[in-house]
Amino acid sequence: MTDAPVSGTAAKAPMVALLMTRPRQASQHFVAQLPLELQAQITVIYAPLMQITPLNTEIDFQGYTGLIFTSANGVAAAGEAPVPLPAFCVGQRTTAAAEQAGWQAQLCGGSATELVTYLCKVKPAAPLLHLHGRHTRGDIAQTLTAAGLPCEGQVVYEQQLLSPSGEMKQKIIEQTSVIVPLFSPRTARHFASLGLDQVNLSLIALSQAVAAEVKGLHYKDLQVSKTPDARNMAVMVRDAAVRLAHLEGGNPAQ
């Protein structure tokens, strides 16, 4: 795997590049899911379009019978569990982080919609507390409360948008083919505003809502993940790279 240089003279890059727009740690975790032989044959360009900043807010867990985590960022803000309350989580990475922090973590689906459906079905003890970022899609707490499952939400981190440098943009433009996985409507909307209106882009959207934000761009291809989770996105990235670079072999991301 190669982290594409921004400047200077370098050896000829592989034909296919992978542009990672998530925060660096999340991007590296995603890349690690790709088959090793694929990682060795692509250029990875890390150009985060979002920065996560924890808020210095006090979280009072008293009175709640369970927590809701829709990202590992919420888990990080909560810290170590003062008492092992149930934690209802979206995604395997979030679930693993919550379990490691001492919460009774339960995987409740790959999206907020699946989590709400699951909780409305099993009806756990309430009230619940959802720890989330300032920018969210929908209102989980309001939806659950309206469904008879009291829940409150608390903002515990900021999601600040970032823009790549002109040098980084040029590096992206120079690539023959660039695979771009996009994980949120807000990030996709920001990406569409950067002026990277290039036919070398193969876009992979987490959902139809994400895809809708980039449909005005010129691009080589736009695909939507069959399920809104990182594992399926990794498989789609692998398949796109194989198709674009004529690579052979490789197993689905595990």
Protein backbone atom coordinates (compact mmCIF):
# COMPACT_ATOMS: atom_id res chain seq x y z
CA MET A 1 0.00 0.00 0.00
CA THR A 2 1.34 3.44 -0.87
CA ASP A 3 0.44 6.73 0.74
CA ALA A 4 0.64 8.96 -2.31
CA PRO A 5 3.23 11.74 -2.02
CA VAL A 6 2.01 15.31 -2.38
CA SER A 7 5.20 16.69 -3.83
CA GLY A 8 8.61 15.67 -5.08
CA THR A 9 9.71 13.04 -7.56
CA ALA A 10 8.49 9.52 -6.94
CA ALA A 11 8.36 6.21 -8.72
CA LYS A 12 5.51 5.69 -11.12
CA ALA A 13 2.34 5.15 -9.10
CA PRO A 14 0.00 2.20 -9.58
CA MET A 15 -2.75 2.78 -12.09
CA VAL A 16 -5.50 2.80 -9.46
CA ALA A 17 -5.65 5.16 -6.48
CA LEU A 18 -7.93 4.98 -3.46
CA LEU A 19 -8.97 8.35 -2.04
CA MET A 20 -9.87 8.17 1.65
CA THR A 21 -11.87 11.16 2.90
CA ARG A 22 -12.69 9.98 6.42
CA PRO A 23 -10.62 11.05 9.44
CA ARG A 24 -7.18 9.42 9.28
CA GLN A 25 -7.71 6.75 11.95
CA ALA A 26 -11.05 5.66 10.48
CA SER A 27 -9.52 5.65 6.99
CA GLN A 28 -6.61 3.47 8.06
CA HIS A 29 -9.00 1.06 9.76
CA PHE A 30 -11.01 0.82 6.53
CA VAL A 31 -7.93 0.25 4.35
CA ALA A 32 -6.81 -2.53 6.71
CA GLN A 33 -9.97 -4.45 5.75
CA LEU A 34 -8.80 -4.72 2.13
CA PRO A 35 -6.93 -7.83 0.98
CA LEU A 36 -3.16 -7.47 1.46
CA GLU A 37 -2.42 -8.24 -2.19
CA LEU A 38 -4.78 -5.43 -3.20
CA GLN A 39 -3.21 -2.98 -0.74
CA ALA A 40 0.16 -3.66 -2.38
CA GLN A 41 -1.14 -2.68 -5.83
CA ILE A 42 -3.01 0.55 -5.17
CA THR A 43 -2.00 4.05 -4.16
CA VAL A 44 -3.85 5.26 -1.05
CA ILE A 45 -4.32 9.01 -0.86
CA TYR A 46 -5.33 10.20 2.61
CA ALA A 47 -7.22 13.48 2.29
CA PRO A 48 -9.55 13.78 5.31
CA LEU A 49 -12.56 15.98 4.64
CA MET A 50 -13.68 15.89 8.26
CA GLN A 51 -12.05 16.33 11.65
CA ILE A 52 -13.60 14.99 14.84
CA THR A 53 -13.21 17.24 17.89
CA PRO A 54 -14.51 15.99 21.26
CA LEU A 55 -16.49 18.53 23.26
CA ASN A 56 -15.58 19.20 26.85
CA THR A 57 -19.04 18.33 28.10
CA GLU A 58 -19.98 16.41 31.19
CA ILE A 59 -22.03 13.27 30.64
CA ASP A 60 -24.35 12.26 33.47
CA PHE A 61 -25.21 8.58 33.14
CA GLN A 62 -27.45 8.48 36.21
CA GLY A 63 -31.08 7.70 35.51
CA TYR A 64 -30.44 5.97 32.19
CA THR A 65 -30.81 2.24 31.68
CA GLY A 66 -28.84 2.05 28.44
CA LEU A 67 -26.81 4.02 25.90
CA ILE A 68 -26.93 4.33 22.13
CA PHE A 69 -23.72 4.65 20.13
CA THR A 70 -23.94 5.30 16.39
CA SER A 71 -20.19 5.78 15.97
CA ALA A 72 -16.95 4.98 17.73
CA ASN A 73 -16.56 8.73 18.29
CA GLY A 74 -19.48 8.63 20.71
CA VAL A 75 -17.84 5.74 22.55
CA ALA A 76 -14.59 7.69 22.83
CA ALA A 77 -16.46 10.66 24.28
CA ALA A 78 -18.22 8.45 26.83
CA GLY A 79 -14.97 6.85 27.97
CA GLU A 80 -14.76 3.86 30.26
CA ALA A 81 -18.14 2.66 31.50
CA PRO A 82 -18.71 3.77 35.12
CA VAL A 83 -21.24 0.95 35.37
CA PRO A 84 -21.68 -1.80 32.72
CA LEU A 85 -24.89 -0.47 31.17
CA PRO A 86 -26.22 -1.97 27.93
CA ALA A 87 -24.95 -0.14 24.85
CA PHE A 88 -26.95 -0.43 21.63
CA CYS A 89 -24.58 0.13 18.72
CA VAL A 90 -24.51 0.72 14.97
CA GLY A 91 -21.78 -1.17 13.14
CA GLN A 92 -19.21 -3.72 14.19
CA ARG A 93 -16.43 -1.19 14.81
CA THR A 94 -18.62 0.84 17.17
CA THR A 95 -19.75 -2.32 18.94
CA ALA A 96 -16.17 -3.48 19.42
CA ALA A 97 -15.14 -0.09 20.79
CA ALA A 98 -18.05 -0.05 23.24
CA GLU A 99 -17.26 -3.56 24.43
CA GLN A 100 -13.61 -2.65 24.95
CA ALA A 101 -14.68 0.37 27.01
CA GLY A 102 -16.64 -1.86 29.37
CA TRP A 103 -20.18 -1.38 28.10
CA GLN A 104 -22.52 -4.33 27.51
CA ALA A 105 -22.31 -3.78 23.79
CA GLN A 106 -24.92 -5.13 21.38
CA LEU A 107 -24.73 -4.86 17.60
CA CYS A 108 -28.12 -3.54 16.45
CA GLY A 109 -27.59 -3.20 12.72
CA GLY A 110 -25.46 -1.35 10.21
CA SER A 111 -27.44 1.91 10.14
CA ALA A 112 -29.43 4.20 12.39
CA THR A 113 -32.64 3.01 10.73
CA GLU A 114 -31.83 -0.62 11.52
CA LEU A 115 -31.00 0.31 15.11
CA VAL A 116 -34.32 2.10 15.60
CA THR A 117 -36.20 -0.83 14.08
CA TYR A 118 -34.39 -3.27 16.37
CA LEU A 119 -34.99 -1.24 19.53
CA CYS A 120 -38.67 -0.72 18.76
CA LYS A 121 -38.99 -4.49 18.37
CA VAL A 122 -37.12 -5.64 21.49
CA LYS A 123 -38.18 -2.67 23.68
CA PRO A 124 -35.27 -2.58 26.15
CA ALA A 125 -35.56 -0.87 29.52
CA ALA A 126 -35.67 2.92 29.18
CA PRO A 127 -34.82 5.79 29.32
CA LEU A 128 -31.90 5.62 26.91
CA LEU A 129 -29.16 8.16 26.14
CA HIS A 130 -27.82 8.66 22.60
CA LEU A 131 -24.34 10.22 22.47
CA HIS A 132 -23.69 11.68 19.02
CA GLY A 133 -22.04 14.41 16.96
CA ARG A 134 -23.47 17.84 16.27
CA HIS A 135 -24.40 16.86 12.71
CA THR A 136 -26.69 13.83 12.43
CA ARG A 137 -29.27 12.55 9.97
CA GLY A 138 -32.67 12.15 11.55
CA ASP A 139 -33.30 12.27 15.26
CA ILE A 140 -32.96 8.87 16.91
CA ALA A 141 -33.97 10.11 20.35
CA GLN A 142 -37.11 11.80 19.05
CA THR A 143 -38.07 8.82 16.90
CA LEU A 144 -37.67 6.35 19.75
CA THR A 145 -39.51 8.57 22.23
CA ALA A 146 -42.41 8.94 19.79
CA ALA A 147 -42.49 5.15 19.51
CA GLY A 148 -42.90 4.78 23.27
CA LEU A 149 -39.23 4.24 24.13
CA PRO A 150 -38.04 7.33 26.06
CA CYS A 151 -34.65 8.51 24.83
CA GLU A 152 -32.57 11.66 25.09
CA GLY A 153 -29.72 12.82 22.87
CA GLN A 154 -26.53 14.64 23.79
CA VAL A 155 -23.97 16.22 21.45
CA VAL A 156 -20.50 15.10 22.54
CA TYR A 157 -18.28 15.90 19.52
CA GLU A 158 -17.98 18.26 16.56
CA GLN A 159 -17.51 17.22 12.92
CA GLN A 160 -15.52 20.01 11.28
CA LEU A 161 -15.25 19.97 7.48
CA LEU A 162 -11.77 20.20 5.94
CA SER A 163 -10.58 20.95 2.41
CA PRO A 164 -7.52 19.41 0.74
CA SER A 165 -4.70 21.68 -0.35
CA GLY A 166 -4.28 22.69 -3.98
CA GLU A 167 -1.30 20.34 -4.15
CA MET A 168 -3.40 17.44 -2.91
CA LYS A 169 -6.15 18.24 -5.40
CA GLN A 170 -3.60 18.18 -8.19
CA LYS A 171 -2.34 14.79 -7.01
CA ILE A 172 -5.90 13.44 -7.21
CA ILE A 173 -6.45 14.90 -10.68
CA GLU A 174 -3.21 13.35 -11.98
CA GLN A 175 -4.26 9.79 -11.15
CA THR A 176 -5.51 7.57 -13.96
CA SER A 177 -8.34 6.11 -11.88
CA VAL A 178 -9.45 7.12 -8.40
CA ILE A 179 -11.83 5.08 -6.27
CA VAL A 180 -13.64 7.27 -3.73
CA PRO A 181 -15.73 5.61 -0.99
CA LEU A 182 -18.10 8.16 0.57
CA PHE A 183 -19.71 7.41 3.91
CA SER A 184 -22.06 10.31 4.74
CA PRO A 185 -24.27 12.78 2.87
CA ARG A 186 -22.50 15.72 4.51
CA THR A 187 -19.04 14.54 3.45
CA ALA A 188 -20.31 13.69 -0.04
CA ARG A 189 -21.86 17.16 -0.39
CA HIS A 190 -18.55 18.72 0.67
CA PHE A 191 -16.63 16.51 -1.75
CA ALA A 192 -18.92 17.61 -4.59
CA SER A 193 -18.09 21.25 -3.81
CA LEU A 194 -14.30 20.84 -4.13
CA GLY A 195 -14.10 21.20 -7.90
CA LEU A 196 -12.86 17.64 -8.45
CA ASP A 197 -15.18 17.28 -11.43
CA GLN A 198 -13.18 14.52 -13.06
CA VAL A 199 -13.97 11.53 -15.24
CA ASN A 200 -11.25 9.54 -13.44
CA LEU A 201 -13.47 9.18 -10.36
CA SER A 202 -15.18 5.91 -9.44
CA LEU A 203 -17.50 6.81 -6.58
CA ILE A 204 -18.87 4.29 -4.08
CA ALA A 205 -21.65 5.62 -1.84
CA LEU A 206 -22.73 4.10 1.46
CA SER A 207 -26.41 4.76 0.67
CA GLN A 208 -28.76 6.37 -1.82
CA ALA A 209 -28.78 9.49 0.38
CA VAL A 210 -24.99 9.73 0.00
CA ALA A 211 -25.16 9.09 -3.75
CA ALA A 212 -27.72 11.86 -4.23
CA GLU A 213 -25.15 14.45 -3.10
CA VAL A 214 -22.66 13.69 -5.91
CA LYS A 215 -24.89 12.92 -8.87
CA GLY A 216 -24.18 16.35 -10.37
CA LEU A 217 -20.48 15.57 -10.75
CA HIS A 218 -18.79 14.14 -13.81
CA TYR A 219 -17.39 10.74 -12.92
CA LYS A 220 -16.45 7.40 -14.40
CA ASP A 221 -18.82 5.38 -12.23
CA LEU A 222 -21.15 5.70 -9.25
CA GLN A 223 -22.20 2.67 -7.24
CA VAL A 224 -24.29 2.39 -4.09
CA SER A 225 -23.50 -0.14 -1.39
CA LYS A 226 -26.07 -2.91 -1.07
CA THR A 227 -25.89 -2.61 2.72
CA PRO A 228 -24.82 0.54 4.62
CA ASP A 229 -21.75 -0.86 6.34
CA ALA A 230 -17.98 -0.61 6.02
CA ARG A 231 -17.53 -4.32 5.28
CA ASN A 232 -19.62 -4.21 2.13
CA MET A 233 -17.98 -0.92 1.13
CA ALA A 234 -14.58 -2.64 1.41
CA VAL A 235 -15.76 -5.47 -0.85
CA MET A 236 -16.99 -2.92 -3.41
CA VAL A 237 -13.67 -1.08 -3.31
CA ARG A 238 -11.88 -4.37 -3.92
CA ASP A 239 -14.13 -5.24 -6.85
CA ALA A 240 -13.73 -1.76 -8.36
CA ALA A 241 -9.94 -1.96 -8.09
CA VAL A 242 -9.87 -5.41 -9.69
CA ARG A 243 -12.05 -4.15 -12.51
CA LEU A 244 -10.06 -0.96 -13.08
CA ALA A 245 -6.56 -2.37 -12.77
CA HIS A 246 -7.25 -5.86 -14.13
CA LEU A 247 -5.98 -7.39 -10.91
CA GLU A 248 -6.57 -11.06 -10.31
CA GLY A 249 -7.23 -12.97 -7.11
CA GLY A 250 -7.95 -11.55 -3.68
CA ASN A 251 -10.51 -12.57 -1.16
CA PRO A 252 -13.44 -10.54 0.11
CA ALA A 253 -12.65 -8.37 3.09
CA GLN A 254 -13.26 -10.21 6.31
